[in-house]
Amino acid sequence: MDALQLFGLLAVTAMLIRYALEDHRRWFILPFAAACALGSIYGFLQGAWPFGLVEAVWAVVALRRWSVRPPLMA
C-alpha cells in the first residue's frame, strides 16, 4: 500500500465514522464535511475525477447542513 492509498483509506474511514455519528451532535457534521473534502482530494490525486467531484459536492452539502442545523440541537 502506497502513501496515496493510505491517505484514501484514512479519508474514507473518517467519512464513514463521522457520518455514523452526525445525528448525535451538530458538531460531528463539520468533521464529516472535512473528511469529504479529503476524500475529494484523494479522488482527484488518484485520477478518479468523478469520485473527487462527488465527494466535493458531499462536502458542500454537509457544510450547508451544518450551517442550517440549530446550534442547540443534539
N, C-alpha and C. Protein backbone atom coordinates (compact mmCIF):
# COMPACT_ATOMS: atom_id res chain seq x y z
N MET A 1 0.86 -1.17 0.00
CA MET A 1 0.00 0.00 0.00
C MET A 1 0.90 1.23 0.00
N ASP A 2 0.69 2.10 -0.98
CA ASP A 2 1.50 3.32 -1.03
C ASP A 2 0.84 4.45 -0.23
N ALA A 3 1.50 5.58 -0.17
CA ALA A 3 1.03 6.70 0.65
C ALA A 3 -0.32 7.23 0.17
N LEU A 4 -0.54 7.27 -1.13
CA LEU A 4 -1.81 7.77 -1.65
C LEU A 4 -2.97 6.84 -1.27
N GLN A 5 -2.75 5.54 -1.36
CA GLN A 5 -3.79 4.59 -0.96
C GLN A 5 -4.08 4.68 0.53
N LEU A 6 -3.06 4.85 1.33
CA LEU A 6 -3.26 5.01 2.77
C LEU A 6 -4.04 6.28 3.07
N PHE A 7 -3.70 7.37 2.39
CA PHE A 7 -4.44 8.62 2.54
C PHE A 7 -5.92 8.42 2.20
N GLY A 8 -6.20 7.74 1.11
CA GLY A 8 -7.58 7.48 0.71
C GLY A 8 -8.31 6.62 1.71
N LEU A 9 -7.65 5.59 2.21
CA LEU A 9 -8.25 4.72 3.21
C LEU A 9 -8.61 5.50 4.47
N LEU A 10 -7.70 6.34 4.93
CA LEU A 10 -7.96 7.13 6.13
C LEU A 10 -9.08 8.15 5.90
N ALA A 11 -9.10 8.78 4.73
CA ALA A 11 -10.14 9.76 4.43
C ALA A 11 -11.53 9.11 4.40
N VAL A 12 -11.63 7.99 3.73
CA VAL A 12 -12.93 7.31 3.62
C VAL A 12 -13.36 6.72 4.96
N THR A 13 -12.42 6.22 5.73
CA THR A 13 -12.74 5.71 7.07
C THR A 13 -13.24 6.84 7.97
N ALA A 14 -12.58 7.99 7.91
CA ALA A 14 -13.03 9.15 8.69
C ALA A 14 -14.43 9.58 8.26
N MET A 15 -14.69 9.54 6.97
CA MET A 15 -16.03 9.89 6.47
C MET A 15 -17.08 8.96 7.04
N LEU A 16 -16.81 7.68 7.00
CA LEU A 16 -17.76 6.69 7.49
C LEU A 16 -18.06 6.87 8.98
N ILE A 17 -17.02 7.06 9.77
CA ILE A 17 -17.20 7.23 11.21
C ILE A 17 -17.98 8.51 11.52
N ARG A 18 -17.60 9.62 10.87
CA ARG A 18 -18.28 10.89 11.13
C ARG A 18 -19.73 10.87 10.66
N TYR A 19 -19.98 10.19 9.54
CA TYR A 19 -21.35 10.08 9.04
C TYR A 19 -22.22 9.31 10.03
N ALA A 20 -21.67 8.26 10.62
CA ALA A 20 -22.42 7.47 11.59
C ALA A 20 -22.73 8.26 12.85
N LEU A 21 -21.89 9.24 13.18
CA LEU A 21 -22.06 10.00 14.42
C LEU A 21 -22.79 11.33 14.24
N GLU A 22 -23.04 11.77 13.02
CA GLU A 22 -23.52 13.13 12.84
C GLU A 22 -24.92 13.38 13.37
N ASP A 23 -25.72 12.35 13.59
CA ASP A 23 -27.04 12.56 14.19
C ASP A 23 -26.96 12.83 15.69
N HIS A 24 -25.84 12.52 16.30
CA HIS A 24 -25.71 12.70 17.75
C HIS A 24 -25.45 14.15 18.15
N ARG A 25 -24.64 14.83 17.40
CA ARG A 25 -24.30 16.22 17.71
C ARG A 25 -24.09 16.98 16.42
N ARG A 26 -24.45 18.25 16.44
CA ARG A 26 -24.28 19.13 15.28
C ARG A 26 -22.81 19.21 14.88
N TRP A 27 -21.93 19.19 15.85
CA TRP A 27 -20.51 19.39 15.56
C TRP A 27 -19.84 18.20 14.90
N PHE A 28 -20.52 17.07 14.78
CA PHE A 28 -19.96 15.95 14.02
C PHE A 28 -20.12 16.15 12.52
N ILE A 29 -21.01 17.07 12.12
CA ILE A 29 -21.22 17.32 10.70
C ILE A 29 -20.01 18.02 10.09
N LEU A 30 -19.40 18.93 10.83
CA LEU A 30 -18.25 19.67 10.32
C LEU A 30 -17.05 18.75 10.02
N PRO A 31 -16.67 17.84 10.91
CA PRO A 31 -15.60 16.91 10.56
C PRO A 31 -15.98 15.98 9.40
N PHE A 32 -17.28 15.67 9.26
CA PHE A 32 -17.72 14.88 8.12
C PHE A 32 -17.46 15.65 6.83
N ALA A 33 -17.76 16.94 6.83
CA ALA A 33 -17.50 17.77 5.65
C ALA A 33 -16.01 17.80 5.33
N ALA A 34 -15.18 17.91 6.36
CA ALA A 34 -13.73 17.92 6.15
C ALA A 34 -13.25 16.58 5.59
N ALA A 35 -13.80 15.49 6.10
CA ALA A 35 -13.42 14.17 5.60
C ALA A 35 -13.86 13.99 4.15
N CYS A 36 -15.02 14.55 3.80
CA CYS A 36 -15.46 14.51 2.39
C CYS A 36 -14.50 15.29 1.51
N ALA A 37 -14.03 16.43 2.00
CA ALA A 37 -13.06 17.22 1.24
C ALA A 37 -11.76 16.44 1.05
N LEU A 38 -11.33 15.73 2.08
CA LEU A 38 -10.13 14.89 1.95
C LEU A 38 -10.36 13.76 0.95
N GLY A 39 -11.56 13.18 0.98
CA GLY A 39 -11.90 12.15 0.01
C GLY A 39 -11.89 12.70 -1.41
N SER A 40 -12.34 13.94 -1.56
CA SER A 40 -12.32 14.59 -2.86
C SER A 40 -10.89 14.79 -3.35
N ILE A 41 -10.04 15.25 -2.47
CA ILE A 41 -8.63 15.44 -2.83
C ILE A 41 -8.02 14.10 -3.25
N TYR A 42 -8.32 13.06 -2.51
CA TYR A 42 -7.82 11.72 -2.86
C TYR A 42 -8.30 11.32 -4.26
N GLY A 43 -9.59 11.53 -4.53
CA GLY A 43 -10.13 11.14 -5.82
C GLY A 43 -9.42 11.85 -6.97
N PHE A 44 -9.20 13.15 -6.82
CA PHE A 44 -8.51 13.89 -7.87
C PHE A 44 -7.05 13.47 -8.00
N LEU A 45 -6.37 13.25 -6.86
CA LEU A 45 -4.97 12.81 -6.92
C LEU A 45 -4.82 11.44 -7.56
N GLN A 46 -5.81 10.59 -7.34
CA GLN A 46 -5.77 9.23 -7.88
C GLN A 46 -6.10 9.22 -9.38
N GLY A 47 -6.74 10.28 -9.83
CA GLY A 47 -7.15 10.33 -11.23
C GLY A 47 -8.59 9.92 -11.45
N ALA A 48 -9.31 9.67 -10.38
CA ALA A 48 -10.72 9.31 -10.46
C ALA A 48 -11.55 10.58 -10.24
N TRP A 49 -11.53 11.47 -11.24
CA TRP A 49 -12.17 12.76 -11.07
C TRP A 49 -13.66 12.69 -10.79
N PRO A 50 -14.43 11.69 -11.29
CA PRO A 50 -15.85 11.65 -10.89
C PRO A 50 -16.02 11.45 -9.38
N PHE A 51 -15.19 10.59 -8.80
CA PHE A 51 -15.23 10.38 -7.36
C PHE A 51 -14.86 11.68 -6.63
N GLY A 52 -13.82 12.34 -7.10
CA GLY A 52 -13.40 13.60 -6.49
C GLY A 52 -14.48 14.65 -6.57
N LEU A 53 -15.18 14.71 -7.68
CA LEU A 53 -16.25 15.68 -7.85
C LEU A 53 -17.43 15.39 -6.94
N VAL A 54 -17.82 14.13 -6.85
CA VAL A 54 -18.94 13.75 -5.99
C VAL A 54 -18.61 14.03 -4.52
N GLU A 55 -17.41 13.72 -4.11
CA GLU A 55 -17.02 13.98 -2.72
C GLU A 55 -16.98 15.49 -2.43
N ALA A 56 -16.58 16.29 -3.41
CA ALA A 56 -16.60 17.75 -3.22
C ALA A 56 -18.03 18.25 -3.03
N VAL A 57 -18.96 17.68 -3.79
CA VAL A 57 -20.37 18.06 -3.63
C VAL A 57 -20.86 17.64 -2.25
N TRP A 58 -20.49 16.44 -1.81
CA TRP A 58 -20.88 15.99 -0.47
C TRP A 58 -20.34 16.93 0.61
N ALA A 59 -19.13 17.42 0.43
CA ALA A 59 -18.55 18.35 1.40
C ALA A 59 -19.37 19.63 1.47
N VAL A 60 -19.78 20.15 0.32
CA VAL A 60 -20.60 21.37 0.30
C VAL A 60 -21.97 21.12 0.94
N VAL A 61 -22.58 19.98 0.62
CA VAL A 61 -23.87 19.63 1.21
C VAL A 61 -23.76 19.52 2.72
N ALA A 62 -22.71 18.88 3.21
CA ALA A 62 -22.51 18.74 4.65
C ALA A 62 -22.30 20.10 5.32
N LEU A 63 -21.54 20.98 4.69
CA LEU A 63 -21.36 22.32 5.25
C LEU A 63 -22.70 23.06 5.33
N ARG A 64 -23.50 22.89 4.32
CA ARG A 64 -24.83 23.52 4.33
C ARG A 64 -25.69 22.95 5.45
N ARG A 65 -25.68 21.62 5.62
CA ARG A 65 -26.45 21.00 6.72
C ARG A 65 -25.97 21.51 8.06
N TRP A 66 -24.65 21.64 8.22
CA TRP A 66 -24.11 22.14 9.49
C TRP A 66 -24.54 23.58 9.74
N SER A 67 -24.56 24.39 8.69
CA SER A 67 -24.89 25.81 8.87
C SER A 67 -26.36 26.05 9.17
N VAL A 68 -27.25 25.18 8.72
CA VAL A 68 -28.68 25.40 8.96
C VAL A 68 -29.22 24.64 10.18
N ARG A 69 -28.45 23.70 10.68
CA ARG A 69 -28.91 22.94 11.85
C ARG A 69 -28.84 23.83 13.09
N PRO A 70 -29.90 23.89 13.85
CA PRO A 70 -29.88 24.74 15.05
C PRO A 70 -28.76 24.33 16.01
N PRO A 71 -28.04 25.32 16.55
CA PRO A 71 -26.89 25.01 17.40
C PRO A 71 -27.26 24.30 18.71
N LEU A 72 -28.46 24.46 19.18
CA LEU A 72 -28.82 23.86 20.46
C LEU A 72 -29.35 22.45 20.32
N MET A 73 -29.52 21.98 19.09
CA MET A 73 -29.97 20.60 18.92
C MET A 73 -28.81 19.65 19.22
N ALA A 74 -29.16 18.46 19.61
CA ALA A 74 -28.16 17.47 19.97
C ALA A 74 -27.15 17.25 18.89
